[in-house]
Amino acid sequence: MVSRGVIRVLVIAMLVLSLAALIVHAQATDQAQVEAARALAAGIGFGLAALGAGIGIGIAGAASVSALVERRELFALYLVFVALAEAIAIYGLVVLFILY
């Protein structure tokens, strides 16, 4: 489970990013606002995807290692579960390239 400290850091990071977006939009022209919003959306999207993938890989990896001790013949199945969690980060990277 995610601790309160991690949640607190994430909330503060989102507030800082929102403040940065307000400052950028207040000082920019129309085309610059579009570019700034695109870059900010791509960065936030990939960051959240990578965060979710990291949490998923941590949980699936720990469960896979503990299950691997009991039944080694199911290694490929355990690897699939970890790869599914890792695919979230790859999807985030694809969205980053599409938006930016």
C-alpha atoms as a PDB file:
ATOM      1  CA  MET A   1       0.000   0.000   0.000  1.00  0.00           C
ATOM      2  CA  VAL A   2       1.181   3.500  -0.746  1.00  0.00           C
ATOM      3  CA  SER A   3       2.248   5.410   2.339  1.00  0.00           C
ATOM      4  CA  ARG A   4       0.982   8.828   3.296  1.00  0.00           C
ATOM      5  CA  GLY A   5       4.363  10.391   2.589  1.00  0.00           C
ATOM      6  CA  VAL A   6       4.267   9.264  -1.035  1.00  0.00           C
ATOM      7  CA  ILE A   7       0.735  10.585  -1.466  1.00  0.00           C
ATOM      8  CA  ARG A   8       1.767  13.888   0.101  1.00  0.00           C
ATOM      9  CA  VAL A   9       4.722  14.206  -2.293  1.00  0.00           C
ATOM     10  CA  LEU A  10       2.487  13.436  -5.282  1.00  0.00           C
ATOM     11  CA  VAL A  11      -0.066  16.055  -4.255  1.00  0.00           C
ATOM     12  CA  ILE A  12       2.664  18.669  -3.802  1.00  0.00           C
ATOM     13  CA  ALA A  13       4.152  17.753  -7.197  1.00  0.00           C
ATOM     14  CA  MET A  14       0.746  18.161  -8.864  1.00  0.00           C
ATOM     15  CA  LEU A  15       0.291  21.562  -7.228  1.00  0.00           C
ATOM     16  CA  VAL A  16       3.728  22.695  -8.396  1.00  0.00           C
ATOM     17  CA  LEU A  17       2.983  21.510 -11.937  1.00  0.00           C
ATOM     18  CA  SER A  18      -0.358  23.333 -11.898  1.00  0.00           C
ATOM     19  CA  LEU A  19       1.329  26.521 -10.699  1.00  0.00           C
ATOM     20  CA  ALA A  20       3.966  26.189 -13.429  1.00  0.00           C
ATOM     21  CA  ALA A  21       1.228  25.744 -16.021  1.00  0.00           C
ATOM     22  CA  LEU A  22      -0.543  28.892 -14.817  1.00  0.00           C
ATOM     23  CA  ILE A  23       2.670  30.907 -15.025  1.00  0.00           C
ATOM     24  CA  VAL A  24       3.466  29.620 -18.507  1.00  0.00           C
ATOM     25  CA  HIS A  25      -0.035  30.310 -19.792  1.00  0.00           C
ATOM     26  CA  ALA A  26      -0.103  33.802 -18.299  1.00  0.00           C
ATOM     27  CA  GLN A  27       3.073  34.839 -20.140  1.00  0.00           C
ATOM     28  CA  ALA A  28       2.641  33.101 -23.476  1.00  0.00           C
ATOM     29  CA  THR A  29       1.046  33.893 -26.796  1.00  0.00           C
ATOM     30  CA  ASP A  30      -1.657  31.716 -28.338  1.00  0.00           C
ATOM     31  CA  GLN A  31       0.665  29.316 -30.203  1.00  0.00           C
ATOM     32  CA  ALA A  32       3.054  29.142 -27.259  1.00  0.00           C
ATOM     33  CA  GLN A  33       0.155  28.240 -24.971  1.00  0.00           C
ATOM     34  CA  VAL A  34      -0.761  25.330 -27.201  1.00  0.00           C
ATOM     35  CA  GLU A  35       2.837  24.083 -27.255  1.00  0.00           C
ATOM     36  CA  ALA A  36       3.193  24.497 -23.500  1.00  0.00           C
ATOM     37  CA  ALA A  37      -0.072  22.680 -22.816  1.00  0.00           C
ATOM     38  CA  ARG A  38       0.960  19.874 -25.162  1.00  0.00           C
ATOM     39  CA  ALA A  39       4.334  19.466 -23.455  1.00  0.00           C
ATOM     40  CA  LEU A  40       2.775  19.620 -19.992  1.00  0.00           C
ATOM     41  CA  ALA A  41       0.123  17.053 -20.884  1.00  0.00           C
ATOM     42  CA  ALA A  42       2.719  14.725 -22.390  1.00  0.00           C
ATOM     43  CA  GLY A  43       4.945  15.003 -19.334  1.00  0.00           C
ATOM     44  CA  ILE A  44       2.147  14.470 -16.819  1.00  0.00           C
ATOM     45  CA  GLY A  45       0.715  11.577 -18.837  1.00  0.00           C
ATOM     46  CA  PHE A  46       4.009   9.755 -19.072  1.00  0.00           C
ATOM     47  CA  GLY A  47       4.895  10.497 -15.461  1.00  0.00           C
ATOM     48  CA  LEU A  48       1.641   9.052 -14.161  1.00  0.00           C
ATOM     49  CA  ALA A  49       1.940   6.037 -16.468  1.00  0.00           C
ATOM     50  CA  ALA A  50       5.474   5.383 -15.264  1.00  0.00           C
ATOM     51  CA  LEU A  51       4.389   5.796 -11.639  1.00  0.00           C
ATOM     52  CA  GLY A  52       1.537   3.322 -12.112  1.00  0.00           C
ATOM     53  CA  ALA A  53       3.833   0.888 -13.900  1.00  0.00           C
ATOM     54  CA  GLY A  54       6.397   1.137 -11.120  1.00  0.00           C
ATOM     55  CA  ILE A  55       3.818   0.396  -8.452  1.00  0.00           C
ATOM     56  CA  GLY A  56       2.390  -2.457 -10.527  1.00  0.00           C
ATOM     57  CA  ILE A  57       5.802  -3.977 -11.217  1.00  0.00           C
ATOM     58  CA  GLY A  58       6.682  -3.725  -7.533  1.00  0.00           C
ATOM     59  CA  ILE A  59       3.548  -5.546  -6.450  1.00  0.00           C
ATOM     60  CA  ALA A  60       3.594  -8.133  -9.260  1.00  0.00           C
ATOM     61  CA  GLY A  61       7.330  -8.690  -8.938  1.00  0.00           C
ATOM     62  CA  ALA A  62       7.173  -9.299  -5.207  1.00  0.00           C
ATOM     63  CA  ALA A  63       4.280 -11.712  -5.606  1.00  0.00           C
ATOM     64  CA  SER A  64       6.029 -13.473  -8.496  1.00  0.00           C
ATOM     65  CA  VAL A  65       9.244 -13.992  -6.561  1.00  0.00           C
ATOM     66  CA  SER A  66       7.424 -15.374  -3.542  1.00  0.00           C
ATOM     67  CA  ALA A  67       5.321 -17.673  -5.758  1.00  0.00           C
ATOM     68  CA  LEU A  68       8.400 -18.730  -7.717  1.00  0.00           C
ATOM     69  CA  VAL A  69       9.874 -20.233  -4.564  1.00  0.00           C
ATOM     70  CA  GLU A  70       6.947 -22.625  -4.325  1.00  0.00           C
ATOM     71  CA  ARG A  71       6.343 -23.518  -8.008  1.00  0.00           C
ATOM     72  CA  ARG A  72       9.280 -22.939 -10.356  1.00  0.00           C
ATOM     73  CA  GLU A  73       7.514 -24.502 -13.357  1.00  0.00           C
ATOM     74  CA  LEU A  74       5.174 -21.479 -13.650  1.00  0.00           C
ATOM     75  CA  PHE A  75       8.015 -18.987 -14.245  1.00  0.00           C
ATOM     76  CA  ALA A  76       6.677 -17.952 -17.685  1.00  0.00           C
ATOM     77  CA  LEU A  77       3.271 -17.152 -16.219  1.00  0.00           C
ATOM     78  CA  TYR A  78       4.840 -14.984 -13.523  1.00  0.00           C
ATOM     79  CA  LEU A  79       6.873 -13.203 -16.162  1.00  0.00           C
ATOM     80  CA  VAL A  80       3.708 -12.427 -18.139  1.00  0.00           C
ATOM     81  CA  PHE A  81       2.131 -10.713 -15.128  1.00  0.00           C
ATOM     82  CA  VAL A  82       5.193  -8.514 -14.629  1.00  0.00           C
ATOM     83  CA  ALA A  83       5.289  -7.713 -18.359  1.00  0.00           C
ATOM     84  CA  LEU A  84       1.630  -6.640 -18.302  1.00  0.00           C
ATOM     85  CA  ALA A  85       2.404  -4.125 -15.588  1.00  0.00           C
ATOM     86  CA  GLU A  86       5.448  -2.928 -17.533  1.00  0.00           C
ATOM     87  CA  ALA A  87       3.343  -2.407 -20.661  1.00  0.00           C
ATOM     88  CA  ILE A  88       1.605   0.497 -18.929  1.00  0.00           C
ATOM     89  CA  ALA A  89       4.831   2.508 -19.077  1.00  0.00           C
ATOM     90  CA  ILE A  90       5.246   1.649 -22.751  1.00  0.00           C
ATOM     91  CA  TYR A  91       1.710   2.893 -23.464  1.00  0.00           C
ATOM     92  CA  GLY A  92       2.564   6.093 -21.619  1.00  0.00           C
ATOM     93  CA  LEU A  93       5.673   6.510 -23.765  1.00  0.00           C
ATOM     94  CA  VAL A  94       3.593   6.065 -26.934  1.00  0.00           C
ATOM     95  CA  VAL A  95       1.123   8.704 -25.728  1.00  0.00           C
ATOM     96  CA  LEU A  96       4.052  11.014 -24.955  1.00  0.00           C
ATOM     97  CA  PHE A  97       5.242  10.770 -28.561  1.00  0.00           C
ATOM     98  CA  ILE A  98       1.727  11.205 -29.926  1.00  0.00           C
ATOM     99  CA  LEU A  99       1.072  14.349 -27.865  1.00  0.00           C
ATOM    100  CA  TYR A 100       4.491  15.884 -28.353  1.00  0.00           C
END
